[in-house]
Amino acid sequence: MRRAYIEAHVPLPQAVQTALDWAARNATIHVPNTSSVRENKWIEGLGIPITSSSSKSRLHGSPRGTVIGFCLNLSEVIEIERSAGVEGIVAVRPMVP
């Protein structure tokens, strides 16, 4: 599995664009919940699938391909790495406890 991490000091839109460049054409953005997208509306304008592991989220679903882990904590990153159909992960703005 391929792994990459974008440093936290990089502006968020630029970090996501760098992650998309790294992921190439087979990307999915995986968020912790719907509010993380609501707070960053520009993400939906990227035109790529967005999923969330939260069963309460309207985005609930399993990520596939190369996953851009957006604002996830460590346990969520590990969960993605164990998911079937995931080829790689790039963590953008990881959440620190």
N, C-alpha and C. Protein backbone atom coordinates (compact mmCIF):
# COMPACT_ATOMS: atom_id res chain seq x y z
N MET A 1 0.84 -1.17 0.00
CA MET A 1 0.00 0.00 0.00
C MET A 1 0.89 1.24 0.00
N ARG A 2 0.54 2.19 -0.83
CA ARG A 2 1.25 3.47 -0.87
C ARG A 2 0.72 4.38 0.23
N ARG A 3 1.63 5.15 0.86
CA ARG A 3 1.24 6.08 1.92
C ARG A 3 1.96 7.40 1.73
N ALA A 4 1.26 8.47 2.03
CA ALA A 4 1.87 9.81 1.99
C ALA A 4 1.19 10.68 3.03
N TYR A 5 1.88 11.74 3.43
CA TYR A 5 1.35 12.66 4.44
C TYR A 5 1.68 14.08 4.02
N ILE A 6 0.71 14.95 4.12
CA ILE A 6 0.91 16.36 3.80
C ILE A 6 1.09 17.10 5.13
N GLU A 7 2.13 17.88 5.25
CA GLU A 7 2.41 18.59 6.49
C GLU A 7 1.28 19.55 6.86
N ALA A 8 1.05 19.71 8.15
CA ALA A 8 -0.07 20.49 8.66
C ALA A 8 0.05 21.98 8.34
N HIS A 9 1.26 22.49 8.10
CA HIS A 9 1.40 23.93 7.85
C HIS A 9 0.99 24.34 6.43
N VAL A 10 0.77 23.39 5.56
CA VAL A 10 0.35 23.68 4.18
C VAL A 10 -1.12 24.09 4.22
N PRO A 11 -1.50 25.19 3.56
CA PRO A 11 -2.92 25.59 3.53
C PRO A 11 -3.79 24.43 3.04
N LEU A 12 -4.94 24.27 3.67
CA LEU A 12 -5.78 23.11 3.42
C LEU A 12 -6.15 22.89 1.95
N PRO A 13 -6.62 23.89 1.21
CA PRO A 13 -6.93 23.64 -0.20
C PRO A 13 -5.71 23.20 -1.01
N GLN A 14 -4.56 23.78 -0.71
CA GLN A 14 -3.32 23.39 -1.39
C GLN A 14 -2.92 21.96 -1.02
N ALA A 15 -3.10 21.59 0.24
CA ALA A 15 -2.78 20.24 0.69
C ALA A 15 -3.65 19.21 -0.02
N VAL A 16 -4.94 19.50 -0.16
CA VAL A 16 -5.83 18.57 -0.84
C VAL A 16 -5.47 18.48 -2.32
N GLN A 17 -5.11 19.59 -2.95
CA GLN A 17 -4.71 19.54 -4.36
C GLN A 17 -3.44 18.72 -4.54
N THR A 18 -2.49 18.87 -3.64
CA THR A 18 -1.26 18.06 -3.70
C THR A 18 -1.61 16.58 -3.55
N ALA A 19 -2.53 16.26 -2.63
CA ALA A 19 -2.96 14.88 -2.44
C ALA A 19 -3.64 14.34 -3.70
N LEU A 20 -4.46 15.16 -4.35
CA LEU A 20 -5.11 14.74 -5.60
C LEU A 20 -4.08 14.47 -6.69
N ASP A 21 -3.08 15.31 -6.78
CA ASP A 21 -2.01 15.10 -7.76
C ASP A 21 -1.30 13.77 -7.50
N TRP A 22 -1.04 13.48 -6.23
CA TRP A 22 -0.37 12.24 -5.85
C TRP A 22 -1.25 11.02 -6.12
N ALA A 23 -2.55 11.16 -5.85
CA ALA A 23 -3.48 10.04 -6.01
C ALA A 23 -3.79 9.73 -7.47
N ALA A 24 -3.58 10.70 -8.34
CA ALA A 24 -3.90 10.56 -9.76
C ALA A 24 -5.41 10.48 -9.95
N ARG A 25 -5.88 9.67 -10.85
CA ARG A 25 -7.29 9.69 -11.24
C ARG A 25 -8.19 8.80 -10.38
N ASN A 26 -7.62 8.04 -9.49
CA ASN A 26 -8.39 7.03 -8.75
C ASN A 26 -8.57 7.43 -7.28
N ALA A 27 -9.05 8.65 -7.02
CA ALA A 27 -9.10 9.17 -5.65
C ALA A 27 -10.50 9.18 -5.07
N THR A 28 -10.54 9.02 -3.75
CA THR A 28 -11.73 9.20 -2.94
C THR A 28 -11.31 10.03 -1.73
N ILE A 29 -12.11 11.01 -1.36
CA ILE A 29 -11.85 11.75 -0.13
C ILE A 29 -12.66 11.09 0.97
N HIS A 30 -12.01 10.79 2.08
CA HIS A 30 -12.70 10.17 3.21
C HIS A 30 -12.65 11.12 4.39
N VAL A 31 -13.81 11.48 4.90
CA VAL A 31 -13.94 12.46 5.97
C VAL A 31 -14.51 11.78 7.22
N PRO A 32 -14.31 12.38 8.40
CA PRO A 32 -14.85 11.77 9.61
C PRO A 32 -16.37 11.91 9.73
N ASN A 33 -16.92 12.99 9.17
CA ASN A 33 -18.35 13.25 9.31
C ASN A 33 -18.80 14.32 8.31
N THR A 34 -20.08 14.54 8.23
CA THR A 34 -20.64 15.51 7.29
C THR A 34 -20.21 16.94 7.62
N SER A 35 -20.06 17.26 8.89
CA SER A 35 -19.71 18.63 9.27
C SER A 35 -18.34 19.04 8.74
N SER A 36 -17.42 18.10 8.56
CA SER A 36 -16.11 18.46 8.02
C SER A 36 -16.23 18.94 6.57
N VAL A 37 -17.23 18.45 5.85
CA VAL A 37 -17.48 18.92 4.49
C VAL A 37 -18.26 20.23 4.53
N ARG A 38 -19.22 20.33 5.43
CA ARG A 38 -19.99 21.56 5.57
C ARG A 38 -19.07 22.74 5.90
N GLU A 39 -18.05 22.51 6.70
CA GLU A 39 -17.10 23.56 7.08
C GLU A 39 -16.11 23.88 5.96
N ASN A 40 -16.01 23.01 4.96
CA ASN A 40 -15.09 23.18 3.83
C ASN A 40 -15.84 22.88 2.53
N LYS A 41 -16.82 23.71 2.21
CA LYS A 41 -17.73 23.47 1.08
C LYS A 41 -17.01 23.27 -0.25
N TRP A 42 -15.84 23.83 -0.41
CA TRP A 42 -15.07 23.72 -1.65
C TRP A 42 -14.72 22.26 -1.98
N ILE A 43 -14.73 21.38 -0.98
CA ILE A 43 -14.38 19.98 -1.21
C ILE A 43 -15.37 19.33 -2.18
N GLU A 44 -16.65 19.63 -2.03
CA GLU A 44 -17.66 19.03 -2.91
C GLU A 44 -17.48 19.49 -4.35
N GLY A 45 -16.89 20.65 -4.55
CA GLY A 45 -16.65 21.16 -5.89
C GLY A 45 -15.51 20.49 -6.63
N LEU A 46 -14.78 19.62 -5.95
CA LEU A 46 -13.66 18.93 -6.59
C LEU A 46 -14.11 17.85 -7.56
N GLY A 47 -15.35 17.39 -7.40
CA GLY A 47 -15.89 16.42 -8.35
C GLY A 47 -15.39 15.00 -8.16
N ILE A 48 -14.93 14.65 -6.97
CA ILE A 48 -14.53 13.26 -6.73
C ILE A 48 -15.38 12.71 -5.59
N PRO A 49 -15.48 11.39 -5.50
CA PRO A 49 -16.32 10.79 -4.45
C PRO A 49 -15.84 11.18 -3.05
N ILE A 50 -16.80 11.41 -2.16
CA ILE A 50 -16.52 11.70 -0.75
C ILE A 50 -17.26 10.66 0.08
N THR A 51 -16.55 10.02 1.00
CA THR A 51 -17.15 9.01 1.85
C THR A 51 -16.86 9.34 3.32
N SER A 52 -17.62 8.69 4.19
CA SER A 52 -17.43 8.83 5.63
C SER A 52 -17.76 7.49 6.29
N SER A 53 -17.03 7.16 7.35
CA SER A 53 -17.33 5.92 8.07
C SER A 53 -18.48 6.10 9.04
N SER A 54 -18.90 7.33 9.28
CA SER A 54 -20.00 7.60 10.21
C SER A 54 -21.33 7.16 9.61
N SER A 55 -22.00 6.25 10.29
CA SER A 55 -23.30 5.78 9.80
C SER A 55 -24.37 6.88 9.86
N LYS A 56 -24.10 7.96 10.59
CA LYS A 56 -25.03 9.08 10.68
C LYS A 56 -24.82 10.11 9.57
N SER A 57 -23.76 9.94 8.79
CA SER A 57 -23.42 10.89 7.74
C SER A 57 -24.15 10.58 6.44
N ARG A 58 -24.55 11.61 5.72
CA ARG A 58 -25.15 11.41 4.40
C ARG A 58 -24.11 10.90 3.41
N LEU A 59 -22.83 10.93 3.80
CA LEU A 59 -21.73 10.49 2.95
C LEU A 59 -21.25 9.08 3.30
N HIS A 60 -22.00 8.40 4.15
CA HIS A 60 -21.60 7.07 4.64
C HIS A 60 -21.26 6.15 3.48
N GLY A 61 -20.09 5.53 3.55
CA GLY A 61 -19.68 4.59 2.53
C GLY A 61 -18.23 4.20 2.70
N SER A 62 -17.83 3.20 1.95
CA SER A 62 -16.46 2.70 2.02
C SER A 62 -15.59 3.36 0.97
N PRO A 63 -14.41 3.83 1.34
CA PRO A 63 -13.52 4.44 0.35
C PRO A 63 -12.90 3.38 -0.55
N ARG A 64 -12.53 3.77 -1.74
CA ARG A 64 -11.91 2.88 -2.72
C ARG A 64 -10.74 3.59 -3.39
N GLY A 65 -9.85 2.81 -3.97
CA GLY A 65 -8.72 3.38 -4.71
C GLY A 65 -7.72 4.04 -3.78
N THR A 66 -7.23 5.19 -4.18
CA THR A 66 -6.32 5.95 -3.34
C THR A 66 -7.16 6.93 -2.54
N VAL A 67 -7.04 6.86 -1.24
CA VAL A 67 -7.90 7.62 -0.33
C VAL A 67 -7.17 8.84 0.20
N ILE A 68 -7.82 9.98 0.09
CA ILE A 68 -7.33 11.19 0.73
C ILE A 68 -8.04 11.26 2.07
N GLY A 69 -7.30 10.98 3.13
CA GLY A 69 -7.85 10.99 4.48
C GLY A 69 -7.87 12.42 4.99
N PHE A 70 -9.04 13.03 5.01
CA PHE A 70 -9.20 14.45 5.33
C PHE A 70 -9.58 14.63 6.78
N CYS A 71 -8.69 15.19 7.58
CA CYS A 71 -8.96 15.50 9.01
C CYS A 71 -9.36 14.26 9.81
N LEU A 72 -8.69 13.15 9.58
CA LEU A 72 -8.99 11.92 10.29
C LEU A 72 -8.06 11.76 11.49
N ASN A 73 -8.50 10.98 12.48
CA ASN A 73 -7.61 10.65 13.58
C ASN A 73 -6.89 9.34 13.25
N LEU A 74 -5.95 8.95 14.09
CA LEU A 74 -5.13 7.78 13.81
C LEU A 74 -5.95 6.51 13.64
N SER A 75 -6.94 6.29 14.48
CA SER A 75 -7.74 5.06 14.36
C SER A 75 -8.51 5.03 13.04
N GLU A 76 -8.95 6.19 12.56
CA GLU A 76 -9.65 6.24 11.27
C GLU A 76 -8.69 5.94 10.11
N VAL A 77 -7.46 6.41 10.21
CA VAL A 77 -6.45 6.11 9.18
C VAL A 77 -6.17 4.61 9.15
N ILE A 78 -6.00 4.02 10.32
CA ILE A 78 -5.74 2.57 10.38
C ILE A 78 -6.91 1.78 9.83
N GLU A 79 -8.13 2.22 10.11
CA GLU A 79 -9.33 1.56 9.58
C GLU A 79 -9.32 1.58 8.05
N ILE A 80 -8.95 2.70 7.47
CA ILE A 80 -8.88 2.80 6.01
C ILE A 80 -7.82 1.86 5.46
N GLU A 81 -6.66 1.83 6.11
CA GLU A 81 -5.58 0.96 5.63
C GLU A 81 -5.98 -0.51 5.62
N ARG A 82 -6.91 -0.88 6.46
CA ARG A 82 -7.38 -2.28 6.54
C ARG A 82 -8.55 -2.55 5.60
N SER A 83 -9.07 -1.54 4.95
CA SER A 83 -10.25 -1.69 4.10
C SER A 83 -9.92 -2.34 2.77
N ALA A 84 -10.81 -3.22 2.33
CA ALA A 84 -10.66 -3.84 1.01
C ALA A 84 -10.88 -2.77 -0.05
N GLY A 85 -10.16 -2.86 -1.12
CA GLY A 85 -10.32 -1.93 -2.23
C GLY A 85 -9.51 -0.66 -2.10
N VAL A 86 -8.77 -0.49 -1.01
CA VAL A 86 -7.94 0.70 -0.83
C VAL A 86 -6.53 0.38 -1.31
N GLU A 87 -6.04 1.18 -2.25
CA GLU A 87 -4.72 0.97 -2.83
C GLU A 87 -3.64 1.83 -2.18
N GLY A 88 -4.07 2.94 -1.59
CA GLY A 88 -3.13 3.84 -0.95
C GLY A 88 -3.87 4.88 -0.15
N ILE A 89 -3.12 5.60 0.69
CA ILE A 89 -3.74 6.65 1.50
C ILE A 89 -2.77 7.81 1.63
N VAL A 90 -3.32 9.01 1.54
CA VAL A 90 -2.55 10.22 1.84
C VAL A 90 -3.33 10.97 2.90
N ALA A 91 -2.67 11.23 4.04
CA ALA A 91 -3.32 11.92 5.15
C ALA A 91 -3.14 13.41 5.01
N VAL A 92 -4.25 14.13 5.03
CA VAL A 92 -4.26 15.58 4.94
C VAL A 92 -4.83 16.12 6.24
N ARG A 93 -4.08 16.95 6.91
CA ARG A 93 -4.49 17.60 8.15
C ARG A 93 -5.01 16.58 9.17
N PRO A 94 -4.13 15.68 9.62
CA PRO A 94 -4.57 14.69 10.61
C PRO A 94 -4.98 15.38 11.90
N MET A 95 -5.93 14.79 12.58
CA MET A 95 -6.40 15.32 13.85
C MET A 95 -5.51 14.78 14.96
N VAL A 96 -5.03 15.67 15.81
CA VAL A 96 -4.17 15.29 16.92
C VAL A 96 -5.00 15.33 18.19
N PRO A 97 -4.96 14.24 19.00
CA PRO A 97 -5.77 14.23 20.23
C PRO A 97 -5.33 15.28 21.23
